[in-house]
Structure formats: structure tokens, C-alpha cells
């Protein structure tokens, strides 16, 4: 989440590889707009947990005023 230059490299638990984290939500939404489709997002609870799911919902949907929504 947040600007590309501040995103940490992280372990992709499903693929067991390092993810440079450079194609995120913002890039996905821009791509969906460009190709004329509406995005449908899902949470993989097998590799992340409820806390990450809650954070994603807040980041994407809360208008402003929280740490995640202000990113």
C-alpha cells in the first residue's frame, strides 16, 4: 500500500519468492480503468490473515482520517 518508493519488498507466501511490491492496488485500479473493466478484489486468507483483510478494506474504502486511508 502507498507510494511505490515506500513499499517494502516482501515474501510472497504462496509462491515462496520475494515480491518487489511494485504492482499494487493503485496500479491495478489504473489498469482496470484503462481496459474498461471494474475490479473485483479478494482476500487470500490462506496466505494472509484477517488483520490484512481489514487493513485492505480500510485503505481502499475509508475516505480519510486514518493512517491507512491517508496513505
PDB file of N, CA and C in Angstrom:
ATOM      1  N   UNK A   1       0.831  -1.174   0.000  1.00  0.00           N
ATOM      2  CA  UNK A   1       0.000   0.000   0.000  1.00  0.00           C
ATOM      3  C   UNK A   1       0.877   1.239   0.000  1.00  0.00           C
ATOM      4  N   UNK A   2       0.339   2.299  -0.515  1.00  0.00           N
ATOM      5  CA  UNK A   2       1.056   3.563  -0.501  1.00  0.00           C
ATOM      6  C   UNK A   2       1.941   3.760  -1.716  1.00  0.00           C
ATOM      7  N   UNK A   3       2.719   4.826  -1.708  1.00  0.00           N
ATOM      8  CA  UNK A   3       3.595   5.147  -2.836  1.00  0.00           C
ATOM      9  C   UNK A   3       4.622   4.038  -3.115  1.00  0.00           C
ATOM     10  N   UNK A   4       4.901   3.823  -4.391  1.00  0.00           N
ATOM     11  CA  UNK A   4       5.841   2.755  -4.781  1.00  0.00           C
ATOM     12  C   UNK A   4       7.179   2.844  -4.054  1.00  0.00           C
ATOM     13  N   UNK A   5       7.691   4.066  -3.931  1.00  0.00           N
ATOM     14  CA  UNK A   5       9.033   4.222  -3.348  1.00  0.00           C
ATOM     15  C   UNK A   5       9.093   3.868  -1.865  1.00  0.00           C
ATOM     16  N   UNK A   6       7.945   3.744  -1.207  1.00  0.00           N
ATOM     17  CA  UNK A   6       7.959   3.389   0.217  1.00  0.00           C
ATOM     18  C   UNK A   6       7.485   1.965   0.475  1.00  0.00           C
ATOM     19  N   UNK A   7       7.125   1.243  -0.576  1.00  0.00           N
ATOM     20  CA  UNK A   7       6.636  -0.125  -0.384  1.00  0.00           C
ATOM     21  C   UNK A   7       7.796  -1.077  -0.123  1.00  0.00           C
ATOM     22  N   UNK A   8       7.685  -1.888   0.899  1.00  0.00           N
ATOM     23  CA  UNK A   8       8.770  -2.827   1.202  1.00  0.00           C
ATOM     24  C   UNK A   8       8.717  -4.061   0.308  1.00  0.00           C
ATOM     25  N   UNK A   9       9.882  -4.602   0.012  1.00  0.00           N
ATOM     26  CA  UNK A   9       9.939  -5.920  -0.614  1.00  0.00           C
ATOM     27  C   UNK A   9       9.466  -6.914   0.428  1.00  0.00           C
ATOM     28  N   UNK A  10       8.691  -7.902  -0.004  1.00  0.00           N
ATOM     29  CA  UNK A  10       8.165  -8.847   0.987  1.00  0.00           C
ATOM     30  C   UNK A  10       8.156 -10.262   0.416  1.00  0.00           C
ATOM     31  N   UNK A  11       8.038 -11.211   1.302  1.00  0.00           N
ATOM     32  CA  UNK A  11       7.962 -12.610   0.905  1.00  0.00           C
ATOM     33  C   UNK A  11       6.545 -12.915   0.447  1.00  0.00           C
ATOM     34  N   UNK A  12       6.407 -13.434  -0.762  1.00  0.00           N
ATOM     35  CA  UNK A  12       5.115 -13.908  -1.257  1.00  0.00           C
ATOM     36  C   UNK A  12       4.945 -15.324  -0.727  1.00  0.00           C
ATOM     37  N   UNK A  13       4.038 -15.477   0.217  1.00  0.00           N
ATOM     38  CA  UNK A  13       3.887 -16.764   0.897  1.00  0.00           C
ATOM     39  C   UNK A  13       3.361 -17.863  -0.013  1.00  0.00           C
ATOM     40  N   UNK A  14       2.553 -17.509  -1.022  1.00  0.00           N
ATOM     41  CA  UNK A  14       2.014 -18.525  -1.931  1.00  0.00           C
ATOM     42  C   UNK A  14       3.098 -19.064  -2.868  1.00  0.00           C
ATOM     43  N   UNK A  15       3.948 -18.174  -3.379  1.00  0.00           N
ATOM     44  CA  UNK A  15       4.961 -18.572  -4.362  1.00  0.00           C
ATOM     45  C   UNK A  15       6.326 -18.798  -3.732  1.00  0.00           C
ATOM     46  N   UNK A  16       6.448 -18.472  -2.448  1.00  0.00           N
ATOM     47  CA  UNK A  16       7.725 -18.626  -1.739  1.00  0.00           C
ATOM     48  C   UNK A  16       8.870 -17.919  -2.476  1.00  0.00           C
ATOM     49  N   UNK A  17       8.586 -16.685  -2.876  1.00  0.00           N
ATOM     50  CA  UNK A  17       9.567 -15.873  -3.599  1.00  0.00           C
ATOM     51  C   UNK A  17       9.476 -14.444  -3.081  1.00  0.00           C
ATOM     52  N   UNK A  18      10.511 -13.666  -3.329  1.00  0.00           N
ATOM     53  CA  UNK A  18      10.491 -12.267  -2.926  1.00  0.00           C
ATOM     54  C   UNK A  18       9.662 -11.465  -3.934  1.00  0.00           C
ATOM     55  N   UNK A  19       8.784 -10.624  -3.424  1.00  0.00           N
ATOM     56  CA  UNK A  19       7.914  -9.777  -4.230  1.00  0.00           C
ATOM     57  C   UNK A  19       8.389  -8.339  -4.078  1.00  0.00           C
ATOM     58  N   UNK A  20       8.794  -7.681  -5.177  1.00  0.00           N
ATOM     59  CA  UNK A  20       9.267  -6.299  -5.059  1.00  0.00           C
ATOM     60  C   UNK A  20       8.145  -5.307  -4.742  1.00  0.00           C
ATOM     61  N   UNK A  21       6.887  -5.770  -4.790  1.00  0.00           N
ATOM     62  CA  UNK A  21       5.745  -4.967  -4.346  1.00  0.00           C
ATOM     63  C   UNK A  21       5.573  -3.695  -5.173  1.00  0.00           C
ATOM     64  N   UNK A  22       5.806  -3.782  -6.481  1.00  0.00           N
ATOM     65  CA  UNK A  22       5.714  -2.606  -7.339  1.00  0.00           C
ATOM     66  C   UNK A  22       4.436  -2.564  -8.174  1.00  0.00           C
ATOM     67  N   UNK A  23       3.635  -3.621  -8.159  1.00  0.00           N
ATOM     68  CA  UNK A  23       2.323  -3.604  -8.808  1.00  0.00           C
ATOM     69  C   UNK A  23       1.299  -3.820  -7.706  1.00  0.00           C
ATOM     70  N   UNK A  24       0.730  -2.721  -7.259  1.00  0.00           N
ATOM     71  CA  UNK A  24      -0.185  -2.774  -6.129  1.00  0.00           C
ATOM     72  C   UNK A  24      -1.591  -2.349  -6.513  1.00  0.00           C
ATOM     73  N   UNK A  25      -2.326  -1.943  -5.527  1.00  0.00           N
ATOM     74  CA  UNK A  25      -3.725  -1.578  -5.714  1.00  0.00           C
ATOM     75  C   UNK A  25      -3.866  -0.416  -6.693  1.00  0.00           C
ATOM     76  N   UNK A  26      -3.046   0.615  -6.547  1.00  0.00           N
ATOM     77  CA  UNK A  26      -3.153   1.781  -7.432  1.00  0.00           C
ATOM     78  C   UNK A  26      -2.902   1.388  -8.880  1.00  0.00           C
ATOM     79  N   UNK A  27      -1.892   0.589  -9.113  1.00  0.00           N
ATOM     80  CA  UNK A  27      -1.579   0.164 -10.476  1.00  0.00           C
ATOM     81  C   UNK A  27      -2.690  -0.731 -11.034  1.00  0.00           C
ATOM     82  N   UNK A  28      -3.241  -1.591 -10.188  1.00  0.00           N
ATOM     83  CA  UNK A  28      -4.331  -2.470 -10.612  1.00  0.00           C
ATOM     84  C   UNK A  28      -5.572  -1.667 -11.001  1.00  0.00           C
ATOM     85  N   UNK A  29      -5.935  -0.666 -10.194  1.00  0.00           N
ATOM     86  CA  UNK A  29      -7.104   0.159 -10.491  1.00  0.00           C
ATOM     87  C   UNK A  29      -6.885   0.954 -11.772  1.00  0.00           C
ATOM     88  N   UNK A  30      -5.699   1.516 -11.962  1.00  0.00           N
ATOM     89  CA  UNK A  30      -5.401   2.245 -13.211  1.00  0.00           C
ATOM     90  C   UNK A  30      -5.511   1.324 -14.412  1.00  0.00           C
ATOM     91  N   UNK A  31      -4.995   0.101 -14.284  1.00  0.00           N
ATOM     92  CA  UNK A  31      -5.087  -0.873 -15.380  1.00  0.00           C
ATOM     93  C   UNK A  31      -6.548  -1.197 -15.682  1.00  0.00           C
ATOM     94  N   UNK A  32      -7.355  -1.440 -14.656  1.00  0.00           N
ATOM     95  CA  UNK A  32      -8.775  -1.759 -14.848  1.00  0.00           C
ATOM     96  C   UNK A  32      -9.493  -0.619 -15.564  1.00  0.00           C
ATOM     97  N   UNK A  33      -9.205   0.622 -15.165  1.00  0.00           N
ATOM     98  CA  UNK A  33      -9.802   1.774 -15.842  1.00  0.00           C
ATOM     99  C   UNK A  33      -9.380   1.822 -17.305  1.00  0.00           C
ATOM    100  N   UNK A  34      -8.102   1.573 -17.554  1.00  0.00           N
ATOM    101  CA  UNK A  34      -7.556   1.642 -18.909  1.00  0.00           C
ATOM    102  C   UNK A  34      -8.202   0.618 -19.841  1.00  0.00           C
ATOM    103  N   UNK A  35      -8.467  -0.570 -19.337  1.00  0.00           N
ATOM    104  CA  UNK A  35      -9.060  -1.608 -20.187  1.00  0.00           C
ATOM    105  C   UNK A  35     -10.586  -1.622 -20.107  1.00  0.00           C
ATOM    106  N   UNK A  36     -11.158  -0.718 -19.303  1.00  0.00           N
ATOM    107  CA  UNK A  36     -12.602  -0.582 -19.252  1.00  0.00           C
ATOM    108  C   UNK A  36     -13.329  -1.660 -18.479  1.00  0.00           C
ATOM    109  N   UNK A  37     -12.748  -2.107 -17.400  1.00  0.00           N
ATOM    110  CA  UNK A  37     -13.411  -3.121 -16.584  1.00  0.00           C
ATOM    111  C   UNK A  37     -13.508  -2.642 -15.139  1.00  0.00           C
ATOM    112  N   UNK A  38     -14.352  -3.287 -14.383  1.00  0.00           N
ATOM    113  CA  UNK A  38     -14.478  -2.960 -12.955  1.00  0.00           C
ATOM    114  C   UNK A  38     -13.727  -4.014 -12.149  1.00  0.00           C
ATOM    115  N   UNK A  39     -12.862  -3.569 -11.252  1.00  0.00           N
ATOM    116  CA  UNK A  39     -12.088  -4.536 -10.467  1.00  0.00           C
ATOM    117  C   UNK A  39     -12.954  -5.255  -9.438  1.00  0.00           C
ATOM    118  N   UNK A  40     -12.607  -6.503  -9.187  1.00  0.00           N
ATOM    119  CA  UNK A  40     -13.210  -7.270  -8.100  1.00  0.00           C
ATOM    120  C   UNK A  40     -12.051  -7.809  -7.279  1.00  0.00           C
ATOM    121  N   UNK A  41     -11.996  -7.425  -6.034  1.00  0.00           N
ATOM    122  CA  UNK A  41     -10.869  -7.802  -5.197  1.00  0.00           C
ATOM    123  C   UNK A  41     -11.265  -8.935  -4.270  1.00  0.00           C
ATOM    124  N   UNK A  42     -10.279  -9.723  -3.903  1.00  0.00           N
ATOM    125  CA  UNK A  42     -10.488 -10.839  -2.984  1.00  0.00           C
ATOM    126  C   UNK A  42      -9.325 -10.887  -2.002  1.00  0.00           C
ATOM    127  N   UNK A  43      -9.556 -11.504  -0.898  1.00  0.00           N
ATOM    128  CA  UNK A  43      -8.530 -11.679   0.121  1.00  0.00           C
ATOM    129  C   UNK A  43      -8.192 -13.166   0.193  1.00  0.00           C
ATOM    130  N   UNK A  44      -6.921 -13.489   0.136  1.00  0.00           N
ATOM    131  CA  UNK A  44      -6.483 -14.864   0.276  1.00  0.00           C
ATOM    132  C   UNK A  44      -6.157 -15.113   1.747  1.00  0.00           C
ATOM    133  N   UNK A  45      -7.101 -15.674   2.459  1.00  0.00           N
ATOM    134  CA  UNK A  45      -6.877 -15.903   3.884  1.00  0.00           C
ATOM    135  C   UNK A  45      -5.935 -17.079   4.140  1.00  0.00           C
ATOM    136  N   UNK A  46      -5.528 -17.780   3.091  1.00  0.00           N
ATOM    137  CA  UNK A  46      -4.571 -18.861   3.252  1.00  0.00           C
ATOM    138  C   UNK A  46      -3.144 -18.363   3.394  1.00  0.00           C
ATOM    139  N   UNK A  47      -2.868 -17.154   2.866  1.00  0.00           N
ATOM    140  CA  UNK A  47      -1.506 -16.621   2.940  1.00  0.00           C
ATOM    141  C   UNK A  47      -1.397 -15.377   3.793  1.00  0.00           C
ATOM    142  N   UNK A  48      -2.487 -14.710   4.042  1.00  0.00           N
ATOM    143  CA  UNK A  48      -2.521 -13.542   4.929  1.00  0.00           C
ATOM    144  C   UNK A  48      -3.680 -13.750   5.883  1.00  0.00           C
ATOM    145  N   UNK A  49      -3.912 -12.844   6.781  1.00  0.00           N
ATOM    146  CA  UNK A  49      -4.946 -13.060   7.782  1.00  0.00           C
ATOM    147  C   UNK A  49      -6.029 -12.003   7.780  1.00  0.00           C
ATOM    148  N   UNK A  50      -6.882 -12.088   8.779  1.00  0.00           N
ATOM    149  CA  UNK A  50      -7.994 -11.148   8.902  1.00  0.00           C
ATOM    150  C   UNK A  50      -7.515  -9.714   9.094  1.00  0.00           C
ATOM    151  N   UNK A  51      -6.417  -9.529   9.788  1.00  0.00           N
ATOM    152  CA  UNK A  51      -5.895  -8.185  10.006  1.00  0.00           C
ATOM    153  C   UNK A  51      -5.526  -7.521   8.683  1.00  0.00           C
ATOM    154  N   UNK A  52      -4.862  -8.264   7.800  1.00  0.00           N
ATOM    155  CA  UNK A  52      -4.506  -7.732   6.486  1.00  0.00           C
ATOM    156  C   UNK A  52      -5.746  -7.437   5.662  1.00  0.00           C
ATOM    157  N   UNK A  53      -6.775  -8.291   5.770  1.00  0.00           N
ATOM    158  CA  UNK A  53      -8.032  -8.070   5.052  1.00  0.00           C
ATOM    159  C   UNK A  53      -8.695  -6.784   5.535  1.00  0.00           C
ATOM    160  N   UNK A  54      -8.758  -6.600   6.847  1.00  0.00           N
ATOM    161  CA  UNK A  54      -9.337  -5.376   7.428  1.00  0.00           C
ATOM    162  C   UNK A  54      -8.566  -4.149   6.962  1.00  0.00           C
ATOM    163  N   UNK A  55      -7.231  -4.233   6.957  1.00  0.00           N
ATOM    164  CA  UNK A  55      -6.410  -3.110   6.525  1.00  0.00           C
ATOM    165  C   UNK A  55      -6.676  -2.757   5.070  1.00  0.00           C
ATOM    166  N   UNK A  56      -6.834  -3.748   4.213  1.00  0.00           N
ATOM    167  CA  UNK A  56      -7.089  -3.501   2.801  1.00  0.00           C
ATOM    168  C   UNK A  56      -8.441  -2.812   2.594  1.00  0.00           C
ATOM    169  N   UNK A  57      -9.458  -3.267   3.305  1.00  0.00           N
ATOM    170  CA  UNK A  57     -10.778  -2.643   3.200  1.00  0.00           C
ATOM    171  C   UNK A  57     -10.707  -1.181   3.647  1.00  0.00           C
ATOM    172  N   UNK A  58     -10.026  -0.936   4.749  1.00  0.00           N
ATOM    173  CA  UNK A  58      -9.883   0.446   5.239  1.00  0.00           C
ATOM    174  C   UNK A  58      -9.112   1.301   4.240  1.00  0.00           C
ATOM    175  N   UNK A  59      -8.015   0.790   3.733  1.00  0.00           N
ATOM    176  CA  UNK A  59      -7.173   1.516   2.785  1.00  0.00           C
ATOM    177  C   UNK A  59      -7.954   1.910   1.535  1.00  0.00           C
ATOM    178  N   UNK A  60      -8.754   0.980   1.028  1.00  0.00           N
ATOM    179  CA  UNK A  60      -9.466   1.210  -0.227  1.00  0.00           C
ATOM    180  C   UNK A  60     -10.762   1.999  -0.066  1.00  0.00           C
ATOM    181  N   UNK A  61     -11.387   1.943   1.092  1.00  0.00           N
ATOM    182  CA  UNK A  61     -12.749   2.459   1.204  1.00  0.00           C
ATOM    183  C   UNK A  61     -12.970   3.620   2.166  1.00  0.00           C
ATOM    184  N   UNK A  62     -12.152   3.751   3.187  1.00  0.00           N
ATOM    185  CA  UNK A  62     -12.374   4.834   4.150  1.00  0.00           C
ATOM    186  C   UNK A  62     -11.902   6.133   3.529  1.00  0.00           C
ATOM    187  N   UNK A  63     -12.740   7.169   3.511  1.00  0.00           N
ATOM    188  CA  UNK A  63     -12.387   8.394   2.767  1.00  0.00           C
ATOM    189  C   UNK A  63     -11.138   9.104   3.258  1.00  0.00           C
ATOM    190  N   UNK A  64     -10.964   9.283   4.568  1.00  0.00           N
ATOM    191  CA  UNK A  64      -9.770   9.975   5.067  1.00  0.00           C
ATOM    192  C   UNK A  64      -9.769   9.962   6.598  1.00  0.00           C
ATOM    193  N   UNK A  65      -8.606  10.276   7.145  1.00  0.00           N
ATOM    194  CA  UNK A  65      -8.513  10.454   8.590  1.00  0.00           C
ATOM    195  C   UNK A  65      -7.890   9.308   9.350  1.00  0.00           C
ATOM    196  N   UNK A  66      -7.669   8.169   8.703  1.00  0.00           N
ATOM    197  CA  UNK A  66      -6.971   7.073   9.376  1.00  0.00           C
ATOM    198  C   UNK A  66      -5.603   6.908   8.730  1.00  0.00           C
ATOM    199  N   UNK A  67      -4.719   6.252   9.433  1.00  0.00           N
ATOM    200  CA  UNK A  67      -3.370   6.045   8.901  1.00  0.00           C
ATOM    201  C   UNK A  67      -3.409   5.387   7.527  1.00  0.00           C
ATOM    202  N   UNK A  68      -4.192   4.330   7.381  1.00  0.00           N
ATOM    203  CA  UNK A  68      -4.230   3.606   6.105  1.00  0.00           C
ATOM    204  C   UNK A  68      -4.932   4.404   5.015  1.00  0.00           C
ATOM    205  N   UNK A  69      -6.060   5.022   5.331  1.00  0.00           N
ATOM    206  CA  UNK A  69      -6.773   5.769   4.293  1.00  0.00           C
ATOM    207  C   UNK A  69      -5.980   6.992   3.829  1.00  0.00           C
ATOM    208  N   UNK A  70      -5.155   7.520   4.681  1.00  0.00           N
ATOM    209  CA  UNK A  70      -4.355   8.698   4.310  1.00  0.00           C
ATOM    210  C   UNK A  70      -3.114   8.344   3.476  1.00  0.00           C
ATOM    211  N   UNK A  71      -2.802   7.048   3.382  1.00  0.00           N
ATOM    212  CA  UNK A  71      -1.690   6.658   2.510  1.00  0.00           C
ATOM    213  C   UNK A  71      -2.043   6.964   1.069  1.00  0.00           C
TER     214      UNK A  71
END
